[in-house]
Amino acid sequence: MGLPATQSPQLEPSMDVASPCVGKCSLDFFGVCKGCRRTREEITAWTRLSNSEKQQVVLRIVGTY
């Protein structure tokens, strides 16, 4: 289930975003974690990202399933 194509999600800049890590860390050939679907760069930068940036990562991850 997803959002209709005409709607975009409303982001909450002040919302504290938890790490999407599921503890099954293994990078594929392209440098994407097989567990959480974050890129190597996203994993490395996670603690330095703003909440808005973290939300963008999570939205991308959800869109890949």
C-alpha atoms as a PDB file:
ATOM      1  CA  MET A   1       0.000   0.000   0.000  1.00  0.00           C
ATOM      2  CA  GLY A   2       1.319   3.448  -0.752  1.00  0.00           C
ATOM      3  CA  LEU A   3       0.351   6.999  -1.340  1.00  0.00           C
ATOM      4  CA  PRO A   4      -1.551   7.908  -4.485  1.00  0.00           C
ATOM      5  CA  ALA A   5       0.729   9.416  -7.103  1.00  0.00           C
ATOM      6  CA  THR A   6      -0.838  12.859  -6.610  1.00  0.00           C
ATOM      7  CA  GLN A   7       0.013  13.021  -2.903  1.00  0.00           C
ATOM      8  CA  SER A   8       3.410  13.482  -1.332  1.00  0.00           C
ATOM      9  CA  PRO A   9       4.194  12.636   2.282  1.00  0.00           C
ATOM     10  CA  GLN A  10       4.336  15.448   4.799  1.00  0.00           C
ATOM     11  CA  LEU A  11       7.714  15.532   6.511  1.00  0.00           C
ATOM     12  CA  GLU A  12       8.125  16.541  10.139  1.00  0.00           C
ATOM     13  CA  PRO A  13      11.499  18.314  10.492  1.00  0.00           C
ATOM     14  CA  SER A  14      11.381  18.125  14.296  1.00  0.00           C
ATOM     15  CA  MET A  15      10.481  14.418  14.417  1.00  0.00           C
ATOM     16  CA  ASP A  16      13.302  12.283  15.848  1.00  0.00           C
ATOM     17  CA  VAL A  17      13.949   9.571  13.263  1.00  0.00           C
ATOM     18  CA  ALA A  18      15.157   6.197  14.503  1.00  0.00           C
ATOM     19  CA  SER A  19      17.702   4.213  12.557  1.00  0.00           C
ATOM     20  CA  PRO A  20      16.101   1.744  10.139  1.00  0.00           C
ATOM     21  CA  CYS A  21      18.798  -0.824  10.987  1.00  0.00           C
ATOM     22  CA  VAL A  22      17.341  -4.304  11.528  1.00  0.00           C
ATOM     23  CA  GLY A  23      20.584  -5.931  12.657  1.00  0.00           C
ATOM     24  CA  LYS A  24      21.096  -7.963   9.468  1.00  0.00           C
ATOM     25  CA  CYS A  25      24.022  -5.984   8.138  1.00  0.00           C
ATOM     26  CA  SER A  26      25.505  -7.174   4.878  1.00  0.00           C
ATOM     27  CA  LEU A  27      26.340  -4.963   1.919  1.00  0.00           C
ATOM     28  CA  ASP A  28      25.516  -6.147  -1.574  1.00  0.00           C
ATOM     29  CA  PHE A  29      27.676  -5.577  -4.664  1.00  0.00           C
ATOM     30  CA  PHE A  30      26.311  -2.034  -5.013  1.00  0.00           C
ATOM     31  CA  GLY A  31      27.061  -1.029  -1.396  1.00  0.00           C
ATOM     32  CA  VAL A  32      23.444  -1.305  -0.215  1.00  0.00           C
ATOM     33  CA  CYS A  33      22.672  -3.062   3.063  1.00  0.00           C
ATOM     34  CA  LYS A  34      20.612  -6.212   2.537  1.00  0.00           C
ATOM     35  CA  GLY A  35      18.921  -5.642   5.911  1.00  0.00           C
ATOM     36  CA  CYS A  36      17.867  -1.985   5.991  1.00  0.00           C
ATOM     37  CA  ARG A  37      18.424  -1.020   2.314  1.00  0.00           C
ATOM     38  CA  ARG A  38      20.537   2.038   3.178  1.00  0.00           C
ATOM     39  CA  THR A  39      23.620   2.799   1.134  1.00  0.00           C
ATOM     40  CA  ARG A  40      27.072   2.614   2.671  1.00  0.00           C
ATOM     41  CA  GLU A  41      27.164   6.429   2.624  1.00  0.00           C
ATOM     42  CA  GLU A  42      23.772   6.732   4.352  1.00  0.00           C
ATOM     43  CA  ILE A  43      24.831   4.312   7.079  1.00  0.00           C
ATOM     44  CA  THR A  44      28.100   6.161   7.670  1.00  0.00           C
ATOM     45  CA  ALA A  45      26.455   9.605   7.736  1.00  0.00           C
ATOM     46  CA  TRP A  46      23.318   8.627   9.710  1.00  0.00           C
ATOM     47  CA  THR A  47      24.309  10.257  13.013  1.00  0.00           C
ATOM     48  CA  ARG A  48      25.202  13.514  11.244  1.00  0.00           C
ATOM     49  CA  LEU A  49      22.043  13.752   9.099  1.00  0.00           C
ATOM     50  CA  SER A  50      19.256  16.151  10.009  1.00  0.00           C
ATOM     51  CA  ASN A  51      15.852  14.661  10.799  1.00  0.00           C
ATOM     52  CA  SER A  52      14.598  15.847   7.395  1.00  0.00           C
ATOM     53  CA  GLU A  53      17.486  14.063   5.668  1.00  0.00           C
ATOM     54  CA  LYS A  54      16.826  10.902   7.691  1.00  0.00           C
ATOM     55  CA  GLN A  55      13.160  11.032   6.703  1.00  0.00           C
ATOM     56  CA  GLN A  56      14.182  11.290   3.039  1.00  0.00           C
ATOM     57  CA  VAL A  57      16.344   8.171   3.443  1.00  0.00           C
ATOM     58  CA  VAL A  58      13.475   6.273   5.080  1.00  0.00           C
ATOM     59  CA  LEU A  59      11.071   7.356   2.317  1.00  0.00           C
ATOM     60  CA  ARG A  60      13.526   6.107  -0.311  1.00  0.00           C
ATOM     61  CA  ILE A  61      13.872   2.794   1.508  1.00  0.00           C
ATOM     62  CA  VAL A  62      10.106   2.321   1.730  1.00  0.00           C
ATOM     63  CA  GLY A  63       9.821   3.087  -1.981  1.00  0.00           C
ATOM     64  CA  THR A  64      12.234   0.261  -2.868  1.00  0.00           C
ATOM     65  CA  TYR A  65      10.037  -2.512  -1.487  1.00  0.00           C
END
